[in-house]
Structure formats: C-alpha cells, structure tokens
N, C-alpha and C. Protein backbone atom coordinates (compact mmCIF):
# COMPACT_ATOMS: atom_id res chain seq x y z
N LEU A 1 100.34 50.40 160.03
CA LEU A 1 100.77 51.00 158.78
C LEU A 1 100.00 50.39 157.61
N SER A 2 100.01 51.05 156.46
CA SER A 2 99.28 50.57 155.30
C SER A 2 99.82 49.24 154.77
N CYS A 3 101.09 48.94 155.09
CA CYS A 3 101.70 47.68 154.63
C CYS A 3 101.36 46.51 155.54
N GLY A 4 100.68 46.78 156.69
CA GLY A 4 100.31 45.71 157.59
C GLY A 4 101.25 45.50 158.76
N HIS A 5 102.38 46.19 158.77
CA HIS A 5 103.34 46.06 159.85
C HIS A 5 103.02 47.03 160.99
N HIS A 6 103.56 46.71 162.17
CA HIS A 6 103.36 47.56 163.34
C HIS A 6 104.69 48.23 163.70
N ALA A 7 104.63 49.49 164.09
CA ALA A 7 105.84 50.22 164.46
C ALA A 7 105.49 51.30 165.47
N THR A 8 106.40 51.54 166.40
CA THR A 8 106.19 52.61 167.37
C THR A 8 106.44 53.95 166.69
N PRO A 9 105.82 55.02 167.18
CA PRO A 9 106.05 56.34 166.56
C PRO A 9 107.52 56.74 166.51
N SER A 10 108.28 56.43 167.58
CA SER A 10 109.69 56.82 167.61
C SER A 10 110.52 56.06 166.59
N SER A 11 110.26 54.74 166.47
CA SER A 11 111.03 53.95 165.49
C SER A 11 110.65 54.35 164.07
N LEU A 12 109.39 54.71 163.86
CA LEU A 12 108.96 55.16 162.54
C LEU A 12 109.63 56.48 162.18
N THR A 13 109.78 57.35 163.17
CA THR A 13 110.45 58.64 162.94
C THR A 13 111.89 58.42 162.51
N ASP A 14 112.60 57.51 163.21
CA ASP A 14 113.99 57.21 162.86
C ASP A 14 114.09 56.63 161.46
N TRP A 15 113.18 55.73 161.14
CA TRP A 15 113.20 55.11 159.81
C TRP A 15 112.96 56.15 158.72
N CYS A 16 111.99 57.03 158.95
CA CYS A 16 111.67 58.05 157.96
C CYS A 16 112.83 59.02 157.77
N SER A 17 113.55 59.30 158.85
CA SER A 17 114.71 60.19 158.75
C SER A 17 115.76 59.59 157.82
N ARG A 18 115.99 58.28 157.95
CA ARG A 18 116.96 57.61 157.08
C ARG A 18 116.48 57.62 155.63
N GLN A 19 115.17 57.41 155.43
CA GLN A 19 114.62 57.41 154.08
C GLN A 19 114.79 58.77 153.42
N LEU A 20 114.55 59.83 154.17
CA LEU A 20 114.67 61.18 153.63
C LEU A 20 116.11 61.49 153.23
N LYS A 21 117.07 61.02 154.03
CA LYS A 21 118.47 61.25 153.72
C LYS A 21 118.87 60.57 152.42
N GLU A 22 118.18 59.46 152.11
CA GLU A 22 118.47 58.71 150.88
C GLU A 22 117.68 59.25 149.69
N GLY A 23 116.93 60.33 149.91
CA GLY A 23 116.19 60.94 148.81
C GLY A 23 114.82 60.36 148.57
N ARG A 24 114.33 59.54 149.50
CA ARG A 24 113.01 58.96 149.33
C ARG A 24 111.99 59.77 150.12
N GLY A 25 110.70 59.57 149.81
CA GLY A 25 109.67 60.39 150.45
C GLY A 25 108.57 59.60 151.10
N PRO A 26 108.74 59.14 152.34
CA PRO A 26 107.70 58.38 153.03
C PRO A 26 106.57 59.30 153.51
N ASN A 27 105.53 59.48 152.70
CA ASN A 27 104.47 60.42 153.05
C ASN A 27 103.66 60.00 154.27
N LEU A 28 103.73 58.72 154.63
CA LEU A 28 102.97 58.24 155.78
C LEU A 28 103.45 58.89 157.08
N VAL A 29 104.65 59.47 157.05
CA VAL A 29 105.20 60.11 158.24
C VAL A 29 104.31 61.24 158.72
N ARG A 30 103.58 61.86 157.84
CA ARG A 30 102.71 62.97 158.23
C ARG A 30 101.60 62.51 159.18
N ILE A 31 101.23 61.24 159.09
CA ILE A 31 100.09 60.74 159.85
C ILE A 31 100.52 59.95 161.07
N LYS A 32 101.51 59.06 160.90
CA LYS A 32 101.82 58.08 161.92
C LYS A 32 102.98 58.43 162.83
N ALA A 33 103.96 59.17 162.35
CA ALA A 33 105.18 59.38 163.13
C ALA A 33 104.96 60.40 164.24
N LEU A 34 105.75 60.25 165.32
CA LEU A 34 105.69 61.18 166.45
C LEU A 34 106.74 62.26 166.21
N LEU A 35 106.30 63.45 165.79
CA LEU A 35 107.22 64.50 165.40
C LEU A 35 107.03 65.75 166.24
N THR A 36 108.14 66.41 166.52
CA THR A 36 108.09 67.73 167.15
C THR A 36 107.79 68.76 166.06
N PRO A 37 107.38 69.96 166.41
CA PRO A 37 107.15 71.00 165.39
C PRO A 37 108.37 71.23 164.51
N GLU A 38 109.58 71.19 165.11
CA GLU A 38 110.80 71.38 164.33
C GLU A 38 111.00 70.24 163.34
N GLU A 39 110.74 69.00 163.80
CA GLU A 39 110.89 67.84 162.92
C GLU A 39 109.87 67.88 161.78
N LYS A 40 108.65 68.31 162.09
CA LYS A 40 107.63 68.41 161.04
C LYS A 40 108.07 69.38 159.95
N GLU A 41 108.61 70.51 160.38
CA GLU A 41 109.08 71.51 159.41
C GLU A 41 110.22 70.96 158.57
N HIS A 42 111.16 70.26 159.24
CA HIS A 42 112.30 69.68 158.53
C HIS A 42 111.83 68.61 157.54
N PHE A 43 110.92 67.75 157.96
CA PHE A 43 110.44 66.68 157.09
C PHE A 43 109.70 67.25 155.88
N GLU A 44 108.86 68.26 156.11
CA GLU A 44 108.10 68.84 155.01
C GLU A 44 109.03 69.50 153.99
N LYS A 45 110.03 70.21 154.48
CA LYS A 45 110.98 70.87 153.58
C LYS A 45 111.78 69.85 152.78
N THR A 46 112.19 68.76 153.46
CA THR A 46 112.98 67.74 152.79
C THR A 46 112.15 66.99 151.76
N LEU A 47 110.89 66.68 152.11
CA LEU A 47 110.00 66.03 151.16
C LEU A 47 109.81 66.89 149.91
N ALA A 48 109.61 68.18 150.12
CA ALA A 48 109.43 69.10 149.00
C ALA A 48 110.69 69.18 148.15
N PHE A 49 111.86 69.21 148.82
CA PHE A 49 113.13 69.28 148.10
C PHE A 49 113.36 68.02 147.28
N ASN A 50 113.08 66.85 147.87
CA ASN A 50 113.28 65.59 147.15
C ASN A 50 112.36 65.50 145.94
N ALA A 51 111.11 66.00 146.10
CA ALA A 51 110.17 65.97 144.98
C ALA A 51 110.64 66.88 143.86
N THR A 52 111.13 68.05 144.22
CA THR A 52 111.62 69.01 143.22
C THR A 52 112.88 68.50 142.53
N LYS A 53 113.73 67.83 143.30
CA LYS A 53 115.01 67.33 142.78
C LYS A 53 114.81 66.32 141.66
N SER A 54 113.69 65.60 141.70
CA SER A 54 113.45 64.57 140.69
C SER A 54 112.92 65.15 139.38
N ASN A 55 112.56 66.43 139.39
CA ASN A 55 112.05 67.08 138.18
C ASN A 55 113.15 67.89 137.50
N PRO A 56 113.19 67.90 136.17
CA PRO A 56 114.21 68.68 135.46
C PRO A 56 113.89 70.17 135.47
N ASP A 57 114.88 70.98 135.17
CA ASP A 57 114.68 72.42 135.04
C ASP A 57 114.30 72.76 133.61
N CYS A 58 113.39 73.69 133.46
CA CYS A 58 113.00 74.16 132.13
C CYS A 58 114.22 74.79 131.45
N PRO A 59 114.50 74.44 130.19
CA PRO A 59 115.66 75.01 129.49
C PRO A 59 115.50 76.50 129.20
N GLY A 60 114.28 77.02 129.32
CA GLY A 60 114.07 78.43 129.03
C GLY A 60 114.27 79.35 130.21
N CYS A 61 113.96 78.86 131.44
CA CYS A 61 114.05 79.72 132.62
C CYS A 61 114.72 79.07 133.81
N ASN A 62 115.14 77.80 133.67
CA ASN A 62 115.82 77.06 134.75
C ASN A 62 114.94 76.88 135.99
N THR A 63 113.63 76.88 135.80
CA THR A 63 112.70 76.62 136.89
C THR A 63 112.30 75.16 136.88
N SER A 64 112.25 74.53 138.06
CA SER A 64 111.84 73.14 138.15
C SER A 64 110.38 72.99 137.73
N VAL A 65 110.12 72.04 136.83
CA VAL A 65 108.78 71.85 136.29
C VAL A 65 108.35 70.40 136.49
N ALA A 66 107.11 70.19 136.91
CA ALA A 66 106.56 68.84 137.09
C ALA A 66 105.76 68.45 135.85
N ARG A 67 105.85 67.18 135.50
CA ARG A 67 105.11 66.69 134.34
C ARG A 67 103.76 66.15 134.80
N ARG A 68 102.68 66.63 134.23
CA ARG A 68 101.35 66.21 134.64
C ARG A 68 100.92 64.91 133.98
N GLN A 69 101.26 64.75 132.71
CA GLN A 69 100.88 63.54 131.97
C GLN A 69 102.12 62.69 131.74
N LEU A 70 102.18 61.54 132.41
CA LEU A 70 103.36 60.68 132.31
C LEU A 70 103.51 60.06 130.93
N SER A 71 102.45 60.05 130.15
CA SER A 71 102.51 59.46 128.81
C SER A 71 102.84 60.49 127.74
N ASN A 72 103.11 61.72 128.14
CA ASN A 72 103.40 62.78 127.18
C ASN A 72 104.71 63.48 127.55
N LEU A 73 105.68 63.46 126.64
CA LEU A 73 106.98 64.08 126.89
C LEU A 73 106.94 65.60 126.73
N SER A 74 105.90 66.12 126.12
CA SER A 74 105.78 67.56 125.92
C SER A 74 105.29 68.22 127.21
N VAL A 75 106.10 69.14 127.74
CA VAL A 75 105.78 69.79 129.02
C VAL A 75 105.64 71.30 128.82
N ASN A 76 104.57 71.85 129.34
CA ASN A 76 104.33 73.29 129.24
C ASN A 76 104.93 74.00 130.44
N CYS A 77 105.72 75.04 130.19
CA CYS A 77 106.30 75.85 131.27
C CYS A 77 105.48 77.13 131.39
N SER A 78 104.77 77.29 132.50
CA SER A 78 103.91 78.46 132.69
C SER A 78 104.73 79.74 132.86
N VAL A 79 105.94 79.61 133.43
CA VAL A 79 106.79 80.78 133.64
C VAL A 79 107.23 81.37 132.30
N CYS A 80 107.75 80.51 131.41
CA CYS A 80 108.20 80.98 130.09
C CYS A 80 107.03 81.44 129.23
N THR A 81 105.90 80.75 129.34
CA THR A 81 104.72 81.13 128.58
C THR A 81 104.27 82.54 128.94
N LYS A 82 104.27 82.83 130.24
CA LYS A 82 103.87 84.17 130.69
C LYS A 82 104.91 85.22 130.30
N ARG A 83 106.17 84.85 130.40
CA ARG A 83 107.24 85.82 130.12
C ARG A 83 107.33 86.16 128.64
N THR A 84 107.17 85.17 127.77
CA THR A 84 107.33 85.38 126.33
C THR A 84 106.04 85.75 125.61
N GLY A 85 104.91 85.50 126.27
CA GLY A 85 103.63 85.80 125.63
C GLY A 85 103.19 84.75 124.63
N ARG A 86 103.87 83.62 124.60
CA ARG A 86 103.47 82.50 123.73
C ARG A 86 103.65 81.20 124.50
N VAL A 87 102.95 80.18 124.06
CA VAL A 87 103.05 78.89 124.74
C VAL A 87 104.46 78.32 124.56
N PHE A 88 105.12 78.02 125.67
CA PHE A 88 106.47 77.45 125.61
C PHE A 88 106.42 76.03 126.14
N GLU A 89 106.82 75.08 125.31
CA GLU A 89 106.86 73.68 125.68
C GLU A 89 108.26 73.13 125.43
N PHE A 90 108.69 72.23 126.29
CA PHE A 90 109.98 71.59 126.08
C PHE A 90 109.85 70.08 126.25
N CYS A 91 110.85 69.37 125.78
CA CYS A 91 110.84 67.90 125.84
C CYS A 91 111.42 67.43 127.16
N TRP A 92 110.67 66.63 127.87
CA TRP A 92 111.08 66.09 129.17
C TRP A 92 112.30 65.19 129.04
N GLN A 93 112.50 64.66 127.85
CA GLN A 93 113.57 63.69 127.63
C GLN A 93 114.90 64.34 127.24
N CYS A 94 114.89 65.21 126.25
CA CYS A 94 116.14 65.83 125.79
C CYS A 94 116.32 67.25 126.33
N LEU A 95 115.27 67.79 126.99
CA LEU A 95 115.32 69.12 127.62
C LEU A 95 115.60 70.23 126.61
N LYS A 96 115.05 70.08 125.41
CA LYS A 96 115.12 71.14 124.41
C LYS A 96 113.70 71.61 124.11
N GLU A 97 113.59 72.82 123.53
CA GLU A 97 112.26 73.32 123.18
C GLU A 97 111.58 72.32 122.25
N TRP A 98 110.32 72.06 122.52
CA TRP A 98 109.60 70.99 121.83
C TRP A 98 109.50 71.23 120.33
N LYS A 99 109.71 70.14 119.57
CA LYS A 99 109.51 70.14 118.13
C LYS A 99 108.66 68.94 117.76
N GLY A 100 107.73 69.15 116.84
CA GLY A 100 106.91 68.04 116.37
C GLY A 100 105.52 68.03 116.98
N SER A 101 104.77 66.99 116.60
CA SER A 101 103.40 66.85 117.08
C SER A 101 103.39 66.36 118.53
N ARG A 102 102.27 66.49 119.16
CA ARG A 102 102.10 66.07 120.55
C ARG A 102 100.67 65.54 120.71
N PRO A 103 100.37 64.70 121.69
CA PRO A 103 101.31 64.15 122.67
C PRO A 103 102.13 63.00 122.09
N ARG A 104 103.33 62.82 122.65
CA ARG A 104 104.19 61.69 122.27
C ARG A 104 104.89 61.16 123.51
N ALA A 105 105.05 59.85 123.55
CA ALA A 105 105.66 59.23 124.72
C ALA A 105 107.05 58.68 124.43
N ASP A 106 107.48 58.70 123.14
CA ASP A 106 108.77 58.10 122.80
C ASP A 106 109.88 59.14 122.63
N ARG A 107 109.62 60.21 121.88
CA ARG A 107 110.63 61.24 121.62
C ARG A 107 109.98 62.43 120.93
N CYS A 108 110.74 63.56 120.88
CA CYS A 108 110.29 64.71 120.09
C CYS A 108 111.06 64.68 118.77
N ASP A 109 110.94 65.72 117.96
CA ASP A 109 111.60 65.74 116.65
C ASP A 109 112.98 66.41 116.68
N ASN A 110 113.47 66.74 117.87
CA ASN A 110 114.83 67.28 117.97
C ASN A 110 115.85 66.19 117.66
N ALA A 111 116.92 66.55 116.96
CA ALA A 111 117.96 65.58 116.63
C ALA A 111 118.61 65.05 117.90
N GLY A 112 118.79 63.75 117.97
CA GLY A 112 119.45 63.14 119.11
C GLY A 112 118.56 62.83 120.28
N CYS A 113 117.27 63.13 120.18
CA CYS A 113 116.36 62.84 121.29
C CYS A 113 116.04 61.35 121.32
N CYS A 114 116.43 60.70 122.37
CA CYS A 114 116.14 59.27 122.51
C CYS A 114 116.10 58.90 123.98
N ASN A 115 115.41 57.84 124.28
CA ASN A 115 115.31 57.35 125.65
C ASN A 115 116.45 56.36 125.88
N GLU A 116 117.46 56.77 126.63
CA GLU A 116 118.63 55.92 126.85
C GLU A 116 118.27 54.65 127.60
N ALA A 117 117.32 54.75 128.53
CA ALA A 117 116.91 53.56 129.28
C ALA A 117 116.25 52.55 128.36
N LEU A 118 115.40 53.04 127.46
CA LEU A 118 114.73 52.15 126.52
C LEU A 118 115.72 51.55 125.54
N LYS A 119 116.70 52.34 125.14
CA LYS A 119 117.75 51.86 124.25
C LYS A 119 118.54 50.73 124.91
N LEU A 120 118.80 50.87 126.21
CA LEU A 120 119.53 49.84 126.95
C LEU A 120 118.72 48.55 127.03
N LEU A 121 117.42 48.67 127.22
CA LEU A 121 116.56 47.49 127.26
C LEU A 121 116.57 46.74 125.93
N GLN A 122 116.69 47.49 124.84
CA GLN A 122 116.64 46.90 123.50
C GLN A 122 117.97 46.28 123.07
N THR A 123 119.07 46.74 123.65
CA THR A 123 120.40 46.30 123.19
C THR A 123 121.14 45.42 124.20
N CYS A 124 120.55 45.16 125.36
CA CYS A 124 121.26 44.38 126.38
C CYS A 124 121.46 42.93 125.94
N SER A 125 122.42 42.27 126.55
CA SER A 125 122.69 40.86 126.25
C SER A 125 121.70 39.98 127.00
N VAL A 126 121.79 38.68 126.78
CA VAL A 126 120.92 37.74 127.50
C VAL A 126 121.64 37.25 128.75
N VAL A 127 120.87 36.81 129.73
CA VAL A 127 121.44 36.33 130.98
C VAL A 127 121.42 34.80 131.00
N LYS A 128 122.46 34.22 131.56
CA LYS A 128 122.53 32.77 131.70
C LYS A 128 122.33 32.42 133.16
N PHE A 129 121.20 31.77 133.46
CA PHE A 129 120.88 31.41 134.83
C PHE A 129 121.65 30.17 135.27
N GLU A 130 122.28 30.25 136.43
CA GLU A 130 123.06 29.13 136.95
C GLU A 130 122.18 28.08 137.63
N ASN A 131 121.08 28.54 138.23
CA ASN A 131 120.26 27.62 139.03
C ASN A 131 118.81 27.51 138.57
N VAL A 132 118.54 27.99 137.36
CA VAL A 132 117.19 27.88 136.80
C VAL A 132 117.26 27.04 135.53
N LYS A 133 116.48 25.99 135.47
CA LYS A 133 116.55 25.05 134.36
C LYS A 133 115.78 25.53 133.12
N ASP A 134 116.34 25.20 131.97
CA ASP A 134 115.65 25.33 130.68
C ASP A 134 115.14 26.75 130.38
N ILE A 135 115.93 27.74 130.71
CA ILE A 135 115.59 29.13 130.39
C ILE A 135 116.64 29.68 129.42
N SER A 136 116.20 30.21 128.30
CA SER A 136 117.13 30.78 127.33
C SER A 136 116.55 32.06 126.74
N ASN A 137 117.44 32.89 126.20
CA ASN A 137 117.05 34.15 125.54
C ASN A 137 116.31 35.12 126.46
N CYS A 138 116.68 35.11 127.73
CA CYS A 138 116.09 36.06 128.67
C CYS A 138 116.99 37.30 128.76
N PRO A 139 116.48 38.49 128.49
CA PRO A 139 117.30 39.71 128.58
C PRO A 139 117.91 39.88 129.96
N SER A 140 119.13 40.38 130.01
CA SER A 140 119.82 40.55 131.30
C SER A 140 119.37 41.79 132.05
N ILE A 141 118.68 42.71 131.36
CA ILE A 141 118.19 43.93 131.99
C ILE A 141 116.70 44.06 131.73
N ARG A 142 115.97 44.35 132.79
CA ARG A 142 114.52 44.51 132.69
C ARG A 142 114.10 45.82 133.35
N ALA A 143 112.97 46.35 132.89
CA ALA A 143 112.33 47.47 133.58
C ALA A 143 111.31 46.87 134.53
N CYS A 144 111.38 47.24 135.79
CA CYS A 144 110.43 46.71 136.77
C CYS A 144 109.01 46.93 136.26
N PRO A 145 108.18 45.87 136.23
CA PRO A 145 106.81 46.02 135.72
C PRO A 145 105.92 46.89 136.59
N THR A 146 106.38 47.19 137.81
CA THR A 146 105.59 48.04 138.70
C THR A 146 105.97 49.51 138.62
N CYS A 147 107.28 49.80 138.73
CA CYS A 147 107.70 51.21 138.78
C CYS A 147 108.57 51.65 137.61
N GLY A 148 109.06 50.71 136.80
CA GLY A 148 109.86 51.08 135.63
C GLY A 148 111.35 51.20 135.87
N ALA A 149 111.82 50.98 137.11
CA ALA A 149 113.25 51.06 137.39
C ALA A 149 114.00 49.95 136.65
N LEU A 150 115.19 50.26 136.11
CA LEU A 150 115.97 49.26 135.39
C LEU A 150 116.74 48.39 136.36
N LEU A 151 116.64 47.08 136.16
CA LEU A 151 117.29 46.10 137.04
C LEU A 151 118.05 45.09 136.18
N GLU A 152 119.21 44.68 136.67
CA GLU A 152 120.02 43.69 135.96
C GLU A 152 120.13 42.42 136.79
N HIS A 153 119.96 41.26 136.15
CA HIS A 153 120.06 39.98 136.85
C HIS A 153 121.46 39.41 136.64
N SER A 154 122.08 38.95 137.72
CA SER A 154 123.43 38.40 137.65
C SER A 154 123.45 36.97 137.13
N GLY A 155 122.29 36.32 137.11
CA GLY A 155 122.23 34.92 136.69
C GLY A 155 122.36 33.96 137.85
N LYS A 156 122.63 34.48 139.04
CA LYS A 156 122.78 33.63 140.21
C LYS A 156 121.46 33.51 140.97
N LYS A 157 121.39 32.49 141.79
CA LYS A 157 120.21 32.21 142.62
C LYS A 157 118.97 31.99 141.75
N CYS A 158 117.79 32.43 142.23
CA CYS A 158 116.55 32.11 141.53
C CYS A 158 116.22 33.15 140.45
N LYS A 159 115.12 32.93 139.77
CA LYS A 159 114.73 33.81 138.66
C LYS A 159 113.96 35.04 139.11
N ASN A 160 113.58 35.08 140.38
CA ASN A 160 112.81 36.21 140.89
C ASN A 160 113.71 37.26 141.50
N ILE A 161 113.26 38.51 141.44
CA ILE A 161 114.06 39.63 141.92
C ILE A 161 113.14 40.65 142.58
N THR A 162 113.65 41.31 143.62
CA THR A 162 112.88 42.36 144.30
C THR A 162 113.43 43.72 143.90
N CYS A 163 112.56 44.58 143.43
CA CYS A 163 112.98 45.91 142.98
C CYS A 163 113.37 46.77 144.18
N ALA A 164 114.54 47.37 144.10
CA ALA A 164 115.03 48.21 145.20
C ALA A 164 114.26 49.52 145.29
N ARG A 165 113.60 49.90 144.23
CA ARG A 165 112.87 51.17 144.24
C ARG A 165 111.48 51.05 144.85
N CYS A 166 110.69 50.09 144.37
CA CYS A 166 109.31 49.96 144.84
C CYS A 166 109.11 48.78 145.79
N ASN A 167 110.14 47.93 145.94
CA ASN A 167 110.11 46.79 146.85
C ASN A 167 109.11 45.71 146.44
N VAL A 168 108.77 45.65 145.16
CA VAL A 168 107.86 44.63 144.65
C VAL A 168 108.68 43.51 144.00
N GLU A 169 108.34 42.28 144.31
CA GLU A 169 109.06 41.13 143.75
C GLU A 169 108.35 40.62 142.49
N PHE A 170 109.14 40.32 141.46
CA PHE A 170 108.57 39.82 140.22
C PHE A 170 109.51 38.80 139.59
N CYS A 171 108.99 38.06 138.62
CA CYS A 171 109.78 37.07 137.90
C CYS A 171 110.53 37.75 136.76
N PHE A 172 111.84 37.60 136.74
CA PHE A 172 112.67 38.24 135.73
C PHE A 172 112.46 37.62 134.35
N VAL A 173 111.94 36.42 134.31
CA VAL A 173 111.78 35.70 133.04
C VAL A 173 110.48 36.09 132.33
N CYS A 174 109.35 35.97 133.03
CA CYS A 174 108.05 36.24 132.39
C CYS A 174 107.51 37.63 132.70
N LEU A 175 108.15 38.34 133.63
CA LEU A 175 107.77 39.70 134.04
C LEU A 175 106.44 39.77 134.78
N GLN A 176 105.96 38.63 135.26
CA GLN A 176 104.77 38.64 136.09
C GLN A 176 105.18 38.82 137.56
N LEU A 177 104.26 39.35 138.37
CA LEU A 177 104.54 39.43 139.79
C LEU A 177 104.75 38.03 140.34
N THR A 178 105.57 37.91 141.37
CA THR A 178 105.85 36.61 141.96
C THR A 178 104.57 35.89 142.37
N SER A 179 103.62 36.64 142.91
CA SER A 179 102.36 36.05 143.37
C SER A 179 101.56 35.45 142.22
N ILE A 180 101.80 35.90 141.00
CA ILE A 180 101.09 35.37 139.84
C ILE A 180 101.86 34.23 139.19
N CYS A 181 103.18 34.34 139.17
CA CYS A 181 104.02 33.33 138.51
C CYS A 181 104.14 32.04 139.32
N LEU A 182 104.30 32.16 140.63
CA LEU A 182 104.61 30.99 141.45
C LEU A 182 103.55 29.89 141.50
N PRO A 183 102.26 30.20 141.50
CA PRO A 183 101.28 29.11 141.58
C PRO A 183 101.40 28.07 140.47
N THR A 184 101.97 28.43 139.33
CA THR A 184 102.11 27.49 138.22
C THR A 184 103.58 27.19 137.91
N SER A 185 104.48 27.58 138.80
CA SER A 185 105.91 27.39 138.58
C SER A 185 106.60 27.35 139.93
N ASN A 186 107.94 27.45 139.94
CA ASN A 186 108.67 27.65 141.18
C ASN A 186 109.89 28.52 140.88
N PHE A 187 110.69 28.78 141.90
CA PHE A 187 111.78 29.74 141.76
C PHE A 187 112.89 29.28 140.81
N HIS A 188 112.97 27.98 140.53
CA HIS A 188 114.09 27.46 139.74
C HIS A 188 113.65 26.66 138.52
N SER A 189 112.43 26.86 138.07
CA SER A 189 111.95 26.13 136.89
C SER A 189 111.31 27.11 135.90
N PRO A 190 111.09 26.67 134.65
CA PRO A 190 110.48 27.56 133.66
C PRO A 190 109.09 28.03 134.08
N CYS A 191 108.69 29.16 133.57
CA CYS A 191 107.37 29.71 133.87
C CYS A 191 106.31 29.00 133.02
N ALA A 192 105.06 29.20 133.40
CA ALA A 192 103.97 28.59 132.64
C ALA A 192 103.77 29.28 131.30
N ILE A 193 104.28 30.50 131.17
CA ILE A 193 104.19 31.24 129.91
C ILE A 193 105.60 31.44 129.36
N PRO A 194 105.75 31.76 128.08
CA PRO A 194 107.08 31.93 127.48
C PRO A 194 107.87 33.08 128.10
N VAL A 195 109.16 33.07 127.81
CA VAL A 195 110.04 34.17 128.25
C VAL A 195 109.55 35.48 127.63
N ALA A 196 109.39 36.49 128.46
CA ALA A 196 108.95 37.79 127.95
C ALA A 196 110.04 38.39 127.07
N PRO A 197 109.71 38.91 125.90
CA PRO A 197 110.73 39.49 125.01
C PRO A 197 111.28 40.79 125.58
N LYS A 198 112.25 41.36 124.87
CA LYS A 198 112.81 42.64 125.30
C LYS A 198 111.70 43.70 125.31
N GLN A 199 111.69 44.49 126.36
CA GLN A 199 110.62 45.47 126.52
C GLN A 199 110.76 46.64 125.55
N THR A 200 109.65 47.10 125.05
CA THR A 200 109.63 48.22 124.11
C THR A 200 109.08 49.49 124.74
N SER A 201 108.71 49.41 126.01
CA SER A 201 108.23 50.58 126.75
C SER A 201 108.58 50.39 128.22
N ILE A 202 108.61 51.50 128.95
CA ILE A 202 108.94 51.46 130.37
C ILE A 202 107.69 51.80 131.18
N PRO A 203 107.27 50.91 132.07
CA PRO A 203 106.06 51.16 132.86
C PRO A 203 106.18 52.43 133.71
N GLN A 204 105.06 53.12 133.90
CA GLN A 204 105.00 54.28 134.77
C GLN A 204 104.51 53.83 136.14
N TRP A 205 105.11 54.36 137.17
CA TRP A 205 104.83 53.92 138.53
C TRP A 205 103.47 54.42 139.02
N ASN A 206 102.58 53.48 139.33
CA ASN A 206 101.31 53.80 139.99
C ASN A 206 101.47 53.44 141.45
N ASN A 207 101.94 54.40 142.25
CA ASN A 207 102.32 54.12 143.63
C ASN A 207 101.15 53.72 144.51
N THR A 208 99.92 54.02 144.11
CA THR A 208 98.77 53.70 144.95
C THR A 208 98.53 52.20 145.05
N ASP A 209 99.00 51.45 144.04
CA ASP A 209 98.80 50.00 144.06
C ASP A 209 100.01 49.24 144.59
N THR A 210 101.11 49.93 144.86
CA THR A 210 102.35 49.26 145.22
C THR A 210 102.24 48.49 146.53
N GLN A 211 101.65 49.10 147.55
CA GLN A 211 101.56 48.45 148.85
C GLN A 211 100.73 47.18 148.79
N LYS A 212 99.68 47.17 147.95
CA LYS A 212 98.89 45.96 147.79
C LYS A 212 99.73 44.85 147.16
N CYS A 213 100.55 45.22 146.17
CA CYS A 213 101.43 44.24 145.52
C CYS A 213 102.43 43.66 146.50
N ILE A 214 103.01 44.53 147.33
CA ILE A 214 104.02 44.10 148.30
C ILE A 214 103.41 43.11 149.28
N LYS A 215 102.24 43.44 149.80
CA LYS A 215 101.60 42.57 150.78
C LYS A 215 101.25 41.22 150.17
N ARG A 216 100.72 41.23 148.94
CA ARG A 216 100.36 39.99 148.26
C ARG A 216 101.60 39.15 147.98
N ASN A 217 102.68 39.79 147.54
CA ASN A 217 103.92 39.07 147.25
C ASN A 217 104.53 38.46 148.49
N LYS A 218 104.49 39.19 149.60
CA LYS A 218 105.08 38.69 150.84
C LYS A 218 104.34 37.46 151.34
N ASN A 219 103.02 37.46 151.21
CA ASN A 219 102.25 36.29 151.64
C ASN A 219 102.57 35.07 150.79
N MET A 220 102.71 35.30 149.47
CA MET A 220 103.07 34.20 148.58
C MET A 220 104.49 33.73 148.83
N ALA A 221 105.40 34.68 149.00
CA ALA A 221 106.81 34.33 149.17
C ALA A 221 107.04 33.56 150.46
N LYS A 222 106.30 33.92 151.51
CA LYS A 222 106.47 33.25 152.80
C LYS A 222 106.19 31.76 152.68
N LYS A 223 105.19 31.41 151.88
CA LYS A 223 104.85 30.01 151.68
C LYS A 223 105.85 29.31 150.75
N SER A 224 106.28 30.04 149.72
CA SER A 224 107.14 29.44 148.70
C SER A 224 108.58 29.28 149.14
N TYR A 225 109.09 30.22 149.97
CA TYR A 225 110.48 30.14 150.40
C TYR A 225 110.73 28.86 151.19
N GLU A 226 109.69 28.38 151.88
CA GLU A 226 109.83 27.16 152.67
C GLU A 226 110.04 25.93 151.78
N LYS A 227 109.67 26.05 150.50
CA LYS A 227 109.79 24.93 149.57
C LYS A 227 111.08 24.98 148.77
N ARG A 228 111.85 26.06 148.92
CA ARG A 228 113.09 26.19 148.14
C ARG A 228 114.09 25.10 148.50
C-alpha cells in the first residue's frame, strides 16, 4: 500500500467496506482490493454518493455542486446559468446568491455570512495542560494544519494529537507536525518556538501529501514513544 503497510486483498476489502459505511472514500480500493463485479459496482456508487454528500446543493436548483477553487467561496452553478440565461453564482458558506466582489475566501456581502468554524477558533478558551510544563495561552481548539478539521484538546496526556480525519499527528501548541517539533522538544515540554496564536484561517486539505506526512510521523513517533 502507499502507506507502507502490507494487507491481503480480502482484509483490504473488509476494511474498505467499513470505511465506506462511515462515509470515507478509500480510493486505493480500485487498485489493490479483491472485488467481485457486484462489489466494484457497489463501491463505485458509494464512493460517488459520499463525494456528492459532502457538497452543498445550489440554492437556485437544489443540484449538488462541487467547488473547483478551495480559496474562493463564489461558486458558479452551470445548471442555473443555462436555465436563466445569466451567470448564477452562490456563496459556498451561507448558500445564498453571491453578493460582492470575487474571489473571496472569508465571506460574501450577504448579511449574516460568516465562517462558524473560524469564529470558534477565534473565541475558544485556552487549555490547561496537566502533564506539559510551562505552557500557557494555548487555544483549546485548533484546526488541523494538514486537513483543517477542528480538534479540541482535553489538557490530558501529552501536547501532541492525531487528527481523526487525516490521521496526521501534530503538536497542539506550536502547530508543527510531530516529526518537526520533536527533534528540538519532547511530548511534555515547551516547544522550541512560541505557542502558535489563535488561527485566522483554516488550512485546505492537500490529500496527496497526507500519506507522506503519516509515514514520516510514524517513524518519528516510534522512536520518541520509547522515551516517554
């Protein structure tokens, strides 16, 4: 597998089935898993459904629309554009017809349009670590630096956390990947750089680099866990 692990085709098929039921899309199944024609059809349909489910419906025609530019909230609906004879764009965030200049990554000019996740990052409280020395003013909620998923630290155990979405481990304090933070620090001491402030943007997931990060983190973690 691309992650470096070995698996039999049958065990990979079972694992992928569980992933699909949870709404995830293991695309590697197309290449490595041992599938019957019926299973291939089921997997392809489920993958397509899961991909569509993550996209919002256009407010003009209720058709699922994919966003091409992750840094632009303005989305063009080809169905509405063709039907109305004019370019129809809506806001990916508030799901209303677009108002204002474009491209924009924060909000449109519709009243009440705001990024709730970003608002949470800006207003969250600080976390008090029970087992990490000399750390203060660290936000209790962070956006994963790899995929952007919001994660909350309980303050227990070490300062590092593994994202449930992309499976990449990073330091909750400095927001560096574990493989970068650990050589100059450890799991229970301050980082070599200051505490990262509250985030003002949410990273977009570049899935092509995720497996490399996971493999690098696992190699570093394997050595470091023995020193805990």
